[in-house]
Amino acid sequence: MLNSSSLFDPSSNITSTLTGGAVGNTKDSFTNALTKNIVAMMVWLVLSVINGSMVHTFLRHSFFYEDPRYIMFIYMVVNDALQLSLVTTLYVVSYIFRQIHASICCLLVMTAVLTTRSTPLILAGMAVERYLSICYPLRYSHLSTVPKPSFEASVEILARLDESENVRTGSVDRV
């Protein structure tokens, strides 16, 4: 049975249960926070080594940057590596600093959102490239050239920047 004194007691766990955790904002213990951050950094390190080895292999062999399929793939790898680094940075910074300057936080979050929203566009570009190679095999070499993935990636980035600017200023048209 709940009584009124247990509802407003800061040491009571009932308050955070009733409000969904909004009132009882408890902090992790030092060892728990340290363990979480070490695990997050180890996952980041392992995935960064894997991504770095793929980028290194791509840059070492000229065959890879002559084929649009591999160019789009490496764009995806770099985009995902950047996204993983940003998210891990935000996670660790949230444990280290109690407060962070708004402009730095906004820069990190907006870049993370940009990389997150670029992923489906890069995948769509890869799908179109595969569609062209399967459905138009004789014209594939003329339709899919090396400069086109670079142009496509720059258009994707500009589209994401324009969309994030519209969201920031509140000028998004709703249908």
N, C-alpha and C. Protein backbone atom coordinates (compact mmCIF):
# COMPACT_ATOMS: atom_id res chain seq x y z
N MET A 1 0.84 -1.17 0.00
CA MET A 1 0.00 0.00 0.00
C MET A 1 0.88 1.23 0.00
N LEU A 2 0.53 2.22 -0.79
CA LEU A 2 1.30 3.45 -0.89
C LEU A 2 0.77 4.46 0.10
N ASN A 3 1.68 5.12 0.79
CA ASN A 3 1.27 6.24 1.62
C ASN A 3 1.92 7.51 1.09
N SER A 4 1.45 8.64 1.52
CA SER A 4 1.91 9.90 0.94
C SER A 4 3.37 10.19 1.25
N SER A 5 3.89 9.69 2.36
CA SER A 5 5.29 9.96 2.68
C SER A 5 6.24 9.18 1.77
N SER A 6 5.83 7.97 1.33
CA SER A 6 6.72 7.21 0.45
C SER A 6 6.72 7.74 -0.97
N LEU A 7 5.67 8.49 -1.36
CA LEU A 7 5.63 9.04 -2.72
C LEU A 7 6.64 10.16 -2.92
N PHE A 8 6.95 10.90 -1.88
CA PHE A 8 7.83 12.05 -2.01
C PHE A 8 9.19 11.83 -1.37
N ASP A 9 9.45 10.63 -0.92
CA ASP A 9 10.74 10.30 -0.33
C ASP A 9 11.76 10.09 -1.45
N PRO A 10 12.86 10.88 -1.50
CA PRO A 10 13.83 10.73 -2.59
C PRO A 10 14.53 9.39 -2.59
N SER A 11 14.61 8.73 -1.45
CA SER A 11 15.29 7.44 -1.42
C SER A 11 14.34 6.29 -1.80
N SER A 12 13.08 6.60 -1.97
CA SER A 12 12.09 5.58 -2.31
C SER A 12 12.15 5.27 -3.79
N ASN A 13 12.08 4.00 -4.13
CA ASN A 13 12.10 3.57 -5.53
C ASN A 13 10.71 3.63 -6.14
N ILE A 14 9.69 3.80 -5.31
CA ILE A 14 8.31 3.83 -5.80
C ILE A 14 8.08 5.08 -6.65
N THR A 15 8.69 6.20 -6.28
CA THR A 15 8.51 7.45 -7.02
C THR A 15 8.98 7.29 -8.45
N SER A 16 10.16 6.70 -8.64
CA SER A 16 10.68 6.57 -10.01
C SER A 16 9.87 5.54 -10.79
N THR A 17 9.28 4.58 -10.12
CA THR A 17 8.45 3.60 -10.81
C THR A 17 7.16 4.23 -11.28
N LEU A 18 6.56 5.06 -10.45
CA LEU A 18 5.29 5.68 -10.80
C LEU A 18 5.43 6.69 -11.93
N THR A 19 6.53 7.41 -11.97
CA THR A 19 6.71 8.45 -12.98
C THR A 19 7.54 8.00 -14.16
N GLY A 20 7.85 6.75 -14.26
CA GLY A 20 8.64 6.26 -15.38
C GLY A 20 10.11 6.62 -15.26
N GLY A 21 10.58 6.91 -14.07
CA GLY A 21 11.98 7.21 -13.88
C GLY A 21 12.31 8.69 -14.03
N ALA A 22 11.33 9.53 -14.27
CA ALA A 22 11.61 10.95 -14.52
C ALA A 22 12.03 11.67 -13.24
N VAL A 23 11.48 11.31 -12.12
CA VAL A 23 11.79 12.00 -10.88
C VAL A 23 13.02 11.41 -10.22
N GLY A 24 13.09 10.12 -10.14
CA GLY A 24 14.20 9.45 -9.48
C GLY A 24 15.37 9.28 -10.41
N ASN A 25 16.06 10.37 -10.76
CA ASN A 25 17.17 10.33 -11.70
C ASN A 25 18.41 9.86 -10.96
N THR A 26 18.62 8.55 -10.92
CA THR A 26 19.76 8.01 -10.20
C THR A 26 20.95 7.92 -11.15
N LYS A 27 22.12 8.01 -10.55
CA LYS A 27 23.36 7.97 -11.31
C LYS A 27 23.98 6.59 -11.13
N ASP A 28 24.67 6.12 -12.19
CA ASP A 28 25.36 4.84 -12.09
C ASP A 28 26.51 4.96 -11.09
N SER A 29 26.84 3.83 -10.47
CA SER A 29 28.01 3.83 -9.61
C SER A 29 29.25 3.97 -10.48
N PHE A 30 30.37 4.32 -9.86
CA PHE A 30 31.60 4.54 -10.62
C PHE A 30 32.02 3.27 -11.36
N THR A 31 31.96 2.12 -10.69
CA THR A 31 32.40 0.88 -11.34
C THR A 31 31.45 0.49 -12.47
N ASN A 32 30.16 0.72 -12.28
CA ASN A 32 29.19 0.41 -13.32
C ASN A 32 29.40 1.32 -14.53
N ALA A 33 29.59 2.61 -14.29
CA ALA A 33 29.82 3.55 -15.39
C ALA A 33 31.14 3.25 -16.10
N LEU A 34 32.16 2.92 -15.33
CA LEU A 34 33.46 2.60 -15.93
C LEU A 34 33.36 1.33 -16.78
N THR A 35 32.65 0.33 -16.30
CA THR A 35 32.47 -0.91 -17.06
C THR A 35 31.72 -0.65 -18.36
N LYS A 36 30.65 0.13 -18.29
CA LYS A 36 29.89 0.45 -19.50
C LYS A 36 30.75 1.19 -20.52
N ASN A 37 31.54 2.15 -20.05
CA ASN A 37 32.38 2.91 -20.97
C ASN A 37 33.51 2.08 -21.55
N ILE A 38 34.08 1.20 -20.77
CA ILE A 38 35.14 0.32 -21.29
C ILE A 38 34.57 -0.62 -22.35
N VAL A 39 33.40 -1.18 -22.09
CA VAL A 39 32.78 -2.06 -23.09
C VAL A 39 32.46 -1.28 -24.36
N ALA A 40 31.91 -0.08 -24.22
CA ALA A 40 31.59 0.74 -25.40
C ALA A 40 32.86 1.07 -26.18
N MET A 41 33.92 1.41 -25.50
CA MET A 41 35.17 1.75 -26.18
C MET A 41 35.81 0.52 -26.83
N MET A 42 35.68 -0.64 -26.22
CA MET A 42 36.23 -1.86 -26.83
C MET A 42 35.46 -2.23 -28.10
N VAL A 43 34.14 -2.11 -28.06
CA VAL A 43 33.34 -2.38 -29.26
C VAL A 43 33.71 -1.39 -30.35
N TRP A 44 33.85 -0.12 -29.99
CA TRP A 44 34.25 0.90 -30.97
C TRP A 44 35.62 0.58 -31.55
N LEU A 45 36.56 0.16 -30.71
CA LEU A 45 37.91 -0.13 -31.17
C LEU A 45 37.92 -1.31 -32.13
N VAL A 46 37.21 -2.38 -31.80
CA VAL A 46 37.17 -3.56 -32.68
C VAL A 46 36.55 -3.21 -34.03
N LEU A 47 35.42 -2.51 -34.01
CA LEU A 47 34.77 -2.15 -35.26
C LEU A 47 35.58 -1.13 -36.06
N SER A 48 36.30 -0.25 -35.38
CA SER A 48 37.15 0.71 -36.08
C SER A 48 38.33 0.02 -36.75
N VAL A 49 38.88 -1.00 -36.11
CA VAL A 49 39.97 -1.76 -36.72
C VAL A 49 39.47 -2.48 -37.97
N ILE A 50 38.28 -3.06 -37.89
CA ILE A 50 37.70 -3.74 -39.06
C ILE A 50 37.44 -2.74 -40.18
N ASN A 51 36.81 -1.61 -39.86
CA ASN A 51 36.55 -0.59 -40.87
C ASN A 51 37.85 -0.02 -41.44
N GLY A 52 38.83 0.20 -40.58
CA GLY A 52 40.13 0.71 -41.03
C GLY A 52 40.83 -0.25 -41.96
N SER A 53 40.71 -1.54 -41.68
CA SER A 53 41.35 -2.52 -42.57
C SER A 53 40.66 -2.56 -43.94
N MET A 54 39.33 -2.36 -43.96
CA MET A 54 38.63 -2.31 -45.25
C MET A 54 39.02 -1.07 -46.04
N VAL A 55 39.14 0.07 -45.37
CA VAL A 55 39.55 1.29 -46.06
C VAL A 55 40.99 1.15 -46.55
N HIS A 56 41.85 0.57 -45.73
CA HIS A 56 43.25 0.36 -46.13
C HIS A 56 43.33 -0.54 -47.36
N THR A 57 42.57 -1.61 -47.37
CA THR A 57 42.56 -2.51 -48.52
C THR A 57 42.03 -1.80 -49.76
N PHE A 58 41.00 -0.99 -49.59
CA PHE A 58 40.45 -0.24 -50.71
C PHE A 58 41.49 0.71 -51.30
N LEU A 59 42.20 1.42 -50.44
CA LEU A 59 43.17 2.40 -50.91
C LEU A 59 44.43 1.75 -51.49
N ARG A 60 44.72 0.53 -51.09
CA ARG A 60 45.94 -0.14 -51.54
C ARG A 60 45.83 -0.71 -52.95
N HIS A 61 44.65 -1.10 -53.35
CA HIS A 61 44.46 -1.75 -54.64
C HIS A 61 43.70 -0.82 -55.58
N SER A 62 44.28 -0.55 -56.73
CA SER A 62 43.64 0.39 -57.67
C SER A 62 42.39 -0.21 -58.31
N PHE A 63 42.28 -1.52 -58.30
CA PHE A 63 41.10 -2.16 -58.89
C PHE A 63 39.82 -1.69 -58.20
N PHE A 64 39.90 -1.47 -56.90
CA PHE A 64 38.70 -1.12 -56.15
C PHE A 64 38.18 0.26 -56.49
N TYR A 65 39.05 1.24 -56.71
CA TYR A 65 38.50 2.55 -57.02
C TYR A 65 38.33 2.78 -58.51
N GLU A 66 38.28 1.71 -59.27
CA GLU A 66 37.88 1.77 -60.68
C GLU A 66 36.48 1.19 -60.87
N ASP A 67 35.92 0.61 -59.82
CA ASP A 67 34.60 0.00 -59.90
C ASP A 67 33.62 0.76 -58.99
N PRO A 68 32.53 1.29 -59.56
CA PRO A 68 31.57 2.07 -58.75
C PRO A 68 30.97 1.29 -57.59
N ARG A 69 30.88 -0.01 -57.72
CA ARG A 69 30.32 -0.83 -56.64
C ARG A 69 31.16 -0.70 -55.37
N TYR A 70 32.47 -0.76 -55.53
CA TYR A 70 33.36 -0.67 -54.37
C TYR A 70 33.47 0.76 -53.86
N ILE A 71 33.33 1.73 -54.74
CA ILE A 71 33.35 3.13 -54.30
C ILE A 71 32.16 3.40 -53.40
N MET A 72 30.97 2.94 -53.80
CA MET A 72 29.78 3.12 -52.96
C MET A 72 29.93 2.36 -51.64
N PHE A 73 30.54 1.17 -51.70
CA PHE A 73 30.73 0.39 -50.49
C PHE A 73 31.65 1.13 -49.51
N ILE A 74 32.73 1.72 -50.04
CA ILE A 74 33.65 2.41 -49.14
C ILE A 74 33.03 3.67 -48.58
N TYR A 75 32.14 4.33 -49.35
CA TYR A 75 31.39 5.45 -48.80
C TYR A 75 30.55 4.99 -47.60
N MET A 76 29.95 3.83 -47.76
CA MET A 76 29.13 3.28 -46.66
C MET A 76 30.00 2.95 -45.45
N VAL A 77 31.16 2.39 -45.67
CA VAL A 77 32.06 2.04 -44.56
C VAL A 77 32.50 3.30 -43.82
N VAL A 78 32.90 4.32 -44.57
CA VAL A 78 33.35 5.56 -43.94
C VAL A 78 32.19 6.24 -43.20
N ASN A 79 31.02 6.25 -43.80
CA ASN A 79 29.84 6.83 -43.16
C ASN A 79 29.52 6.10 -41.85
N ASP A 80 29.55 4.79 -41.88
CA ASP A 80 29.25 4.01 -40.67
C ASP A 80 30.34 4.18 -39.61
N ALA A 81 31.61 4.28 -40.04
CA ALA A 81 32.69 4.49 -39.08
C ALA A 81 32.55 5.85 -38.41
N LEU A 82 32.18 6.87 -39.19
CA LEU A 82 31.97 8.19 -38.62
C LEU A 82 30.78 8.19 -37.66
N GLN A 83 29.72 7.52 -38.04
CA GLN A 83 28.54 7.44 -37.18
C GLN A 83 28.87 6.71 -35.88
N LEU A 84 29.57 5.61 -35.97
CA LEU A 84 29.95 4.86 -34.78
C LEU A 84 30.85 5.69 -33.87
N SER A 85 31.78 6.42 -34.45
CA SER A 85 32.68 7.26 -33.64
C SER A 85 31.91 8.38 -32.95
N LEU A 86 30.98 9.00 -33.66
CA LEU A 86 30.21 10.09 -33.06
C LEU A 86 29.31 9.59 -31.94
N VAL A 87 28.65 8.48 -32.15
CA VAL A 87 27.75 7.96 -31.13
C VAL A 87 28.54 7.51 -29.90
N THR A 88 29.69 6.89 -30.12
CA THR A 88 30.52 6.48 -28.99
C THR A 88 31.05 7.69 -28.24
N THR A 89 31.43 8.73 -28.98
CA THR A 89 31.89 9.96 -28.35
C THR A 89 30.79 10.58 -27.50
N LEU A 90 29.59 10.66 -28.05
CA LEU A 90 28.47 11.21 -27.28
C LEU A 90 28.20 10.38 -26.03
N TYR A 91 28.29 9.07 -26.16
CA TYR A 91 28.03 8.19 -25.02
C TYR A 91 29.06 8.41 -23.91
N VAL A 92 30.33 8.45 -24.29
CA VAL A 92 31.38 8.62 -23.29
C VAL A 92 31.34 10.03 -22.69
N VAL A 93 31.11 11.02 -23.53
CA VAL A 93 31.04 12.40 -23.04
C VAL A 93 29.89 12.58 -22.06
N SER A 94 28.79 11.87 -22.30
CA SER A 94 27.65 11.99 -21.38
C SER A 94 27.99 11.46 -19.99
N TYR A 95 28.96 10.56 -19.89
CA TYR A 95 29.37 10.07 -18.58
C TYR A 95 30.47 10.95 -17.97
N ILE A 96 31.29 11.55 -18.82
CA ILE A 96 32.42 12.33 -18.29
C ILE A 96 31.98 13.70 -17.81
N PHE A 97 31.22 14.41 -18.65
CA PHE A 97 30.82 15.77 -18.31
C PHE A 97 29.37 15.80 -17.87
N ARG A 98 29.13 16.55 -16.82
CA ARG A 98 27.76 16.70 -16.35
C ARG A 98 26.99 17.62 -17.28
N GLN A 99 27.67 18.64 -17.80
CA GLN A 99 27.07 19.55 -18.77
C GLN A 99 28.05 19.72 -19.92
N ILE A 100 27.51 19.97 -21.10
CA ILE A 100 28.35 20.19 -22.28
C ILE A 100 27.82 21.43 -22.98
N HIS A 101 28.71 22.18 -23.57
CA HIS A 101 28.32 23.40 -24.27
C HIS A 101 27.36 23.04 -25.39
N ALA A 102 26.31 23.82 -25.54
CA ALA A 102 25.23 23.51 -26.49
C ALA A 102 25.73 23.46 -27.93
N SER A 103 26.65 24.33 -28.31
CA SER A 103 27.11 24.34 -29.70
C SER A 103 27.90 23.09 -30.03
N ILE A 104 28.69 22.60 -29.09
CA ILE A 104 29.45 21.36 -29.32
C ILE A 104 28.51 20.18 -29.40
N CYS A 105 27.56 20.12 -28.48
CA CYS A 105 26.57 19.03 -28.50
C CYS A 105 25.76 19.05 -29.78
N CYS A 106 25.34 20.24 -30.20
CA CYS A 106 24.55 20.37 -31.42
C CYS A 106 25.35 19.91 -32.64
N LEU A 107 26.63 20.29 -32.69
CA LEU A 107 27.48 19.87 -33.80
C LEU A 107 27.61 18.35 -33.85
N LEU A 108 27.84 17.73 -32.70
CA LEU A 108 27.98 16.28 -32.65
C LEU A 108 26.68 15.57 -33.01
N VAL A 109 25.58 16.05 -32.45
CA VAL A 109 24.29 15.40 -32.71
C VAL A 109 23.86 15.59 -34.16
N MET A 110 24.03 16.77 -34.71
CA MET A 110 23.63 17.01 -36.10
C MET A 110 24.47 16.19 -37.07
N THR A 111 25.76 16.04 -36.78
CA THR A 111 26.61 15.20 -37.63
C THR A 111 26.20 13.74 -37.51
N ALA A 112 25.85 13.30 -36.30
CA ALA A 112 25.38 11.93 -36.13
C ALA A 112 24.07 11.70 -36.87
N VAL A 113 23.18 12.66 -36.84
CA VAL A 113 21.91 12.55 -37.56
C VAL A 113 22.17 12.55 -39.07
N LEU A 114 23.10 13.38 -39.52
CA LEU A 114 23.45 13.43 -40.94
C LEU A 114 23.96 12.08 -41.42
N THR A 115 24.84 11.46 -40.65
CA THR A 115 25.37 10.15 -41.06
C THR A 115 24.28 9.08 -40.98
N THR A 116 23.40 9.19 -40.00
CA THR A 116 22.32 8.21 -39.89
C THR A 116 21.37 8.29 -41.08
N ARG A 117 21.04 9.51 -41.49
CA ARG A 117 20.11 9.68 -42.60
C ARG A 117 20.76 9.46 -43.95
N SER A 118 22.07 9.47 -44.03
CA SER A 118 22.76 9.22 -45.29
C SER A 118 22.82 7.73 -45.62
N THR A 119 22.76 6.90 -44.62
CA THR A 119 22.87 5.46 -44.83
C THR A 119 21.82 4.91 -45.80
N PRO A 120 20.53 5.20 -45.66
CA PRO A 120 19.56 4.68 -46.63
C PRO A 120 19.78 5.20 -48.05
N LEU A 121 20.28 6.43 -48.17
CA LEU A 121 20.53 6.97 -49.50
C LEU A 121 21.71 6.27 -50.17
N ILE A 122 22.73 5.97 -49.40
CA ILE A 122 23.87 5.24 -49.96
C ILE A 122 23.43 3.83 -50.36
N LEU A 123 22.62 3.20 -49.52
CA LEU A 123 22.09 1.88 -49.88
C LEU A 123 21.23 1.93 -51.13
N ALA A 124 20.44 2.98 -51.28
CA ALA A 124 19.62 3.13 -52.48
C ALA A 124 20.51 3.30 -53.71
N GLY A 125 21.57 4.08 -53.58
CA GLY A 125 22.52 4.23 -54.69
C GLY A 125 23.17 2.91 -55.05
N MET A 126 23.50 2.11 -54.05
CA MET A 126 24.08 0.79 -54.31
C MET A 126 23.07 -0.12 -55.00
N ALA A 127 21.81 -0.02 -54.59
CA ALA A 127 20.78 -0.85 -55.22
C ALA A 127 20.56 -0.45 -56.67
N VAL A 128 20.56 0.84 -56.95
CA VAL A 128 20.41 1.30 -58.34
C VAL A 128 21.58 0.83 -59.18
N GLU A 129 22.77 0.90 -58.62
CA GLU A 129 23.97 0.44 -59.34
C GLU A 129 23.88 -1.05 -59.66
N ARG A 130 23.41 -1.85 -58.72
CA ARG A 130 23.23 -3.29 -58.96
C ARG A 130 22.12 -3.54 -59.97
N TYR A 131 21.04 -2.78 -59.90
CA TYR A 131 19.94 -2.90 -60.86
C TYR A 131 20.44 -2.65 -62.27
N LEU A 132 21.24 -1.61 -62.43
CA LEU A 132 21.78 -1.30 -63.76
C LEU A 132 22.68 -2.41 -64.27
N SER A 133 23.47 -2.98 -63.38
CA SER A 133 24.40 -4.03 -63.82
C SER A 133 23.66 -5.32 -64.18
N ILE A 134 22.51 -5.58 -63.57
CA ILE A 134 21.77 -6.81 -63.86
C ILE A 134 20.83 -6.62 -65.05
N CYS A 135 20.12 -5.51 -65.08
CA CYS A 135 19.10 -5.31 -66.13
C CYS A 135 19.67 -4.77 -67.42
N TYR A 136 20.77 -4.06 -67.36
CA TYR A 136 21.37 -3.48 -68.56
C TYR A 136 22.86 -3.84 -68.61
N PRO A 137 23.18 -5.11 -68.74
CA PRO A 137 24.59 -5.51 -68.66
C PRO A 137 25.45 -4.96 -69.80
N LEU A 138 24.86 -4.76 -70.99
CA LEU A 138 25.66 -4.27 -72.10
C LEU A 138 25.91 -2.77 -72.01
N ARG A 139 25.01 -2.04 -71.37
CA ARG A 139 25.18 -0.60 -71.25
C ARG A 139 25.69 -0.20 -69.87
N TYR A 140 25.98 -1.16 -69.03
CA TYR A 140 26.38 -0.88 -67.65
C TYR A 140 27.66 -0.04 -67.59
N SER A 141 28.62 -0.34 -68.45
CA SER A 141 29.88 0.39 -68.39
C SER A 141 29.70 1.86 -68.77
N HIS A 142 28.69 2.18 -69.55
CA HIS A 142 28.43 3.57 -69.91
C HIS A 142 27.53 4.27 -68.88
N LEU A 143 26.63 3.50 -68.27
CA LEU A 143 25.70 4.10 -67.30
C LEU A 143 26.35 4.34 -65.94
N SER A 144 27.21 3.45 -65.53
CA SER A 144 27.81 3.52 -64.20
C SER A 144 29.31 3.74 -64.35
N THR A 145 29.73 4.99 -64.21
CA THR A 145 31.15 5.32 -64.32
C THR A 145 31.69 5.72 -62.96
N VAL A 146 33.00 5.86 -62.87
CA VAL A 146 33.65 6.16 -61.59
C VAL A 146 33.23 7.52 -61.02
N PRO A 147 33.11 8.62 -61.80
CA PRO A 147 32.72 9.90 -61.17
C PRO A 147 31.29 9.93 -60.65
N LYS A 148 30.41 9.07 -61.13
CA LYS A 148 29.01 9.13 -60.72
C LYS A 148 28.79 8.83 -59.24
N PRO A 149 29.46 7.84 -58.65
CA PRO A 149 29.26 7.64 -57.19
C PRO A 149 29.73 8.83 -56.36
N SER A 150 30.80 9.49 -56.78
CA SER A 150 31.26 10.67 -56.05
C SER A 150 30.24 11.79 -56.15
N PHE A 151 29.68 11.99 -57.33
CA PHE A 151 28.65 13.00 -57.51
C PHE A 151 27.41 12.65 -56.69
N GLU A 152 27.05 11.38 -56.71
CA GLU A 152 25.88 10.92 -55.96
C GLU A 152 26.07 11.13 -54.46
N ALA A 153 27.25 10.84 -53.96
CA ALA A 153 27.51 11.02 -52.53
C ALA A 153 27.45 12.49 -52.14
N SER A 154 27.98 13.36 -52.98
CA SER A 154 27.93 14.79 -52.66
C SER A 154 26.50 15.32 -52.71
N VAL A 155 25.69 14.82 -53.64
CA VAL A 155 24.28 15.23 -53.69
C VAL A 155 23.54 14.74 -52.45
N GLU A 156 23.84 13.52 -51.99
CA GLU A 156 23.21 12.99 -50.77
C GLU A 156 23.56 13.84 -49.56
N ILE A 157 24.82 14.22 -49.44
CA ILE A 157 25.24 15.02 -48.30
C ILE A 157 24.57 16.39 -48.33
N LEU A 158 24.52 17.01 -49.51
CA LEU A 158 23.87 18.32 -49.62
C LEU A 158 22.38 18.23 -49.33
N ALA A 159 21.74 17.15 -49.76
CA ALA A 159 20.31 16.97 -49.47
C ALA A 159 20.07 16.82 -47.97
N ARG A 160 20.93 16.09 -47.30
CA ARG A 160 20.80 15.92 -45.85
C ARG A 160 21.05 17.24 -45.12
N LEU A 161 22.05 18.00 -45.58
CA LEU A 161 22.32 19.29 -44.94
C LEU A 161 21.15 20.24 -45.12
N ASP A 162 20.56 20.24 -46.31
CA ASP A 162 19.40 21.10 -46.56
C ASP A 162 18.22 20.68 -45.70
N GLU A 163 18.01 19.38 -45.57
CA GLU A 163 16.90 18.89 -44.74
C GLU A 163 17.12 19.23 -43.28
N SER A 164 18.36 19.08 -42.79
CA SER A 164 18.62 19.39 -41.39
C SER A 164 18.49 20.89 -41.13
N GLU A 165 18.83 21.73 -42.12
CA GLU A 165 18.64 23.17 -41.98
C GLU A 165 17.16 23.51 -41.91
N ASN A 166 16.33 22.85 -42.73
CA ASN A 166 14.89 23.08 -42.70
C ASN A 166 14.29 22.65 -41.37
N VAL A 167 14.77 21.55 -40.82
CA VAL A 167 14.26 21.08 -39.53
C VAL A 167 14.67 22.05 -38.43
N ARG A 168 15.91 22.55 -38.50
CA ARG A 168 16.41 23.46 -37.47
C ARG A 168 15.64 24.77 -37.47
N THR A 169 15.33 25.28 -38.66
CA THR A 169 14.62 26.57 -38.73
C THR A 169 13.12 26.43 -38.65
N GLY A 170 12.61 25.20 -38.74
CA GLY A 170 11.18 24.96 -38.64
C GLY A 170 10.43 25.23 -39.92
N SER A 171 11.13 25.22 -41.05
CA SER A 171 10.46 25.52 -42.32
C SER A 171 10.18 24.27 -43.13
N VAL A 172 9.84 23.19 -42.46
CA VAL A 172 9.53 21.94 -43.14
C VAL A 172 8.07 21.97 -43.58
N ASP A 173 7.82 21.70 -44.84
CA ASP A 173 6.46 21.65 -45.35
C ASP A 173 5.84 20.31 -44.99
N ARG A 174 4.70 20.36 -44.39
CA ARG A 174 4.00 19.13 -44.00
C ARG A 174 2.80 18.95 -44.90
N VAL A 175 2.64 17.73 -45.40
CA VAL A 175 1.52 17.42 -46.30
C VAL A 175 0.43 16.76 -45.52
